[in-house]
C-alpha atoms as a PDB file:
ATOM      1  CA  MET A   1       0.106  -0.215  -0.101  1.00  0.00           C
ATOM      2  CA  LYS A   2       1.548   3.426  -0.906  1.00  0.00           C
ATOM      3  CA  LYS A   3       1.490   6.234   1.207  1.00  0.00           C
ATOM      4  CA  ARG A   4      -0.083   9.452  -0.010  1.00  0.00           C
ATOM      5  CA  TYR A   5      -0.074  13.277   0.886  1.00  0.00           C
ATOM      6  CA  SER A   6      -2.881  15.265   0.755  1.00  0.00           C
ATOM      7  CA  GLN A   7      -1.619  18.385   0.087  1.00  0.00           C
ATOM      8  CA  HIS A   8       1.710  20.073  -0.175  1.00  0.00           C
ATOM      9  CA  GLY A   9       2.808  21.768   2.620  1.00  0.00           C
ATOM     10  CA  SER A  10       1.150  18.988   4.493  1.00  0.00           C
ATOM     11  CA  HIS A  11       3.349  17.620   7.827  1.00  0.00           C
ATOM     12  CA  ALA A  12       5.407  14.020   6.138  1.00  0.00           C
ATOM     13  CA  GLY A  13       3.561  11.392   7.823  1.00  0.00           C
ATOM     14  CA  SER A  14       4.053  11.269  11.491  1.00  0.00           C
ATOM     15  CA  ILE A  15       7.755  12.719  11.345  1.00  0.00           C
ATOM     16  CA  PRO A  16       7.066  15.981  14.144  1.00  0.00           C
ATOM     17  CA  GLY A  17       8.590  19.203  11.985  1.00  0.00           C
ATOM     18  CA  LEU A  18       9.304  17.568   8.884  1.00  0.00           C
ATOM     19  CA  VAL A  19       7.044  19.275   5.975  1.00  0.00           C
ATOM     20  CA  GLN A  20       6.922  17.830   2.265  1.00  0.00           C
ATOM     21  CA  VAL A  21       6.841  21.066  -0.034  1.00  0.00           C
ATOM     22  CA  SER A  22       6.643  19.061  -3.062  1.00  0.00           C
ATOM     23  CA  LYS A  23       6.874  15.563  -4.299  1.00  0.00           C
ATOM     24  CA  ASN A  24      10.442  15.681  -4.007  1.00  0.00           C
ATOM     25  CA  VAL A  25      11.510  18.239  -1.555  1.00  0.00           C
ATOM     26  CA  TYR A  26      11.259  18.393   2.212  1.00  0.00           C
ATOM     27  CA  VAL A  27      11.883  21.493   4.639  1.00  0.00           C
ATOM     28  CA  TYR A  28      13.467  20.439   8.515  1.00  0.00           C
ATOM     29  CA  SER A  29      14.243  22.855  10.831  1.00  0.00           C
ATOM     30  CA  GLY A  30      15.297  25.567   8.375  1.00  0.00           C
ATOM     31  CA  PHE A  31      17.160  22.783   6.331  1.00  0.00           C
ATOM     32  CA  THR A  32      16.046  21.626   2.822  1.00  0.00           C
ATOM     33  CA  ILE A  33      16.300  17.803   2.085  1.00  0.00           C
ATOM     34  CA  ARG A  34      15.837  16.958  -1.594  1.00  0.00           C
ATOM     35  CA  LYS A  35      15.720  14.068  -2.966  1.00  0.00           C
ATOM     36  CA  SER A  36      17.756  13.347  -5.763  1.00  0.00           C
ATOM     37  CA  SER A  37      17.017  10.726  -8.434  1.00  0.00           C
ATOM     38  CA  ARG A  38      18.175   7.150  -8.451  1.00  0.00           C
ATOM     39  CA  ASN A  39      21.570   5.898  -9.487  1.00  0.00           C
ATOM     40  CA  ILE A  40      21.247   3.287 -12.416  1.00  0.00           C
ATOM     41  CA  PHE A  41      23.415   1.081 -10.708  1.00  0.00           C
ATOM     42  CA  ASN A  42      22.211   1.764  -7.033  1.00  0.00           C
ATOM     43  CA  ARG A  43      18.465   2.062  -7.232  1.00  0.00           C
ATOM     44  CA  SER A  44      18.425   3.744  -4.027  1.00  0.00           C
ATOM     45  CA  ASN A  45      17.202   7.207  -3.228  1.00  0.00           C
ATOM     46  CA  ALA A  46      19.680   9.788  -2.004  1.00  0.00           C
ATOM     47  CA  TYR A  47      18.734  12.662   0.046  1.00  0.00           C
ATOM     48  CA  LEU A  48      20.578  16.292  -0.399  1.00  0.00           C
ATOM     49  CA  ILE A  49      20.494  18.598   2.824  1.00  0.00           C
ATOM     50  CA  ASN A  50      20.994  22.575   2.158  1.00  0.00           C
ATOM     51  CA  LYS A  51      20.598  25.445   3.304  1.00  0.00           C
ATOM     52  CA  ARG A  52      20.722  29.241   2.425  1.00  0.00           C
ATOM     53  CA  ASP A  53      22.987  31.540   4.587  1.00  0.00           C
ATOM     54  CA  ASP A  54      21.494  34.138   6.675  1.00  0.00           C
ATOM     55  CA  ASN A  55      21.301  36.867   3.762  1.00  0.00           C
ATOM     56  CA  GLY A  56      19.391  34.607   1.411  1.00  0.00           C
ATOM     57  CA  GLY A  57      22.036  34.454  -1.382  1.00  0.00           C
ATOM     58  CA  ILE A  58      24.543  31.534  -0.741  1.00  0.00           C
ATOM     59  CA  ASP A  59      22.854  27.850  -0.651  1.00  0.00           C
ATOM     60  CA  ASN A  60      25.323  25.914   1.201  1.00  0.00           C
ATOM     61  CA  TYR A  61      25.276  21.933   0.974  1.00  0.00           C
ATOM     62  CA  TYR A  62      26.062  20.054   4.144  1.00  0.00           C
ATOM     63  CA  GLY A  63      25.915  16.518   2.676  1.00  0.00           C
ATOM     64  CA  ARG A  64      24.217  13.527   0.913  1.00  0.00           C
ATOM     65  CA  ASP A  65      22.612  10.775   3.021  1.00  0.00           C
ATOM     66  CA  PHE A  66      20.626   7.680   1.581  1.00  0.00           C
ATOM     67  CA  ALA A  67      17.835   7.368   3.783  1.00  0.00           C
ATOM     68  CA  LEU A  68      15.456  10.822   5.008  1.00  0.00           C
ATOM     69  CA  ALA A  69      15.717   9.464   8.608  1.00  0.00           C
ATOM     70  CA  GLU A  70      19.971   9.450   7.971  1.00  0.00           C
ATOM     71  CA  ALA A  71      19.238  13.255   6.623  1.00  0.00           C
ATOM     72  CA  MET A  72      17.195  13.741   9.784  1.00  0.00           C
ATOM     73  CA  ARG A  73      19.596  13.175  11.908  1.00  0.00           C
ATOM     74  CA  THR A  74      22.377  15.099  10.218  1.00  0.00           C
ATOM     75  CA  ILE A  75      20.731  18.024  10.368  1.00  0.00           C
ATOM     76  CA  GLU A  76      20.563  17.286  14.376  1.00  0.00           C
ATOM     77  CA  GLY A  77      23.894  17.248  14.470  1.00  0.00           C
ATOM     78  CA  LEU A  78      24.553  20.332  12.537  1.00  0.00           C
ATOM     79  CA  ARG A  79      22.134  21.931  14.836  1.00  0.00           C
ATOM     80  CA  ARG A  80      23.970  20.720  18.143  1.00  0.00           C
ATOM     81  CA  GLY A  81      27.193  22.025  16.239  1.00  0.00           C
ATOM     82  CA  LYS A  82      28.699  18.493  15.341  1.00  0.00           C
ATOM     83  CA  ASN A  83      31.560  18.609  13.046  1.00  0.00           C
ATOM     84  CA  TYR A  84      30.809  16.503   9.367  1.00  0.00           C
ATOM     85  CA  ASP A  85      34.078  17.763   8.040  1.00  0.00           C
ATOM     86  CA  ASP A  86      35.480  14.282   8.920  1.00  0.00           C
END
């Protein structure tokens, strides 16, 4: 059974704080999570994490995770000040 969302901008399922803006774009804690196209060899989805700077001029890229839950954990780590440069 497929889970469908009734409207754009509604909460994504039962995940608090996650808002689905369009079919492939989510917003979580001020960060944008974009679902990228599937890789021909891997067949799995990847989620790209971006955030605009305070001035709104530069779109900062924060990484790529292979599950929406992983992307949300990465954002939580960024908000706590954890460094992901390693």
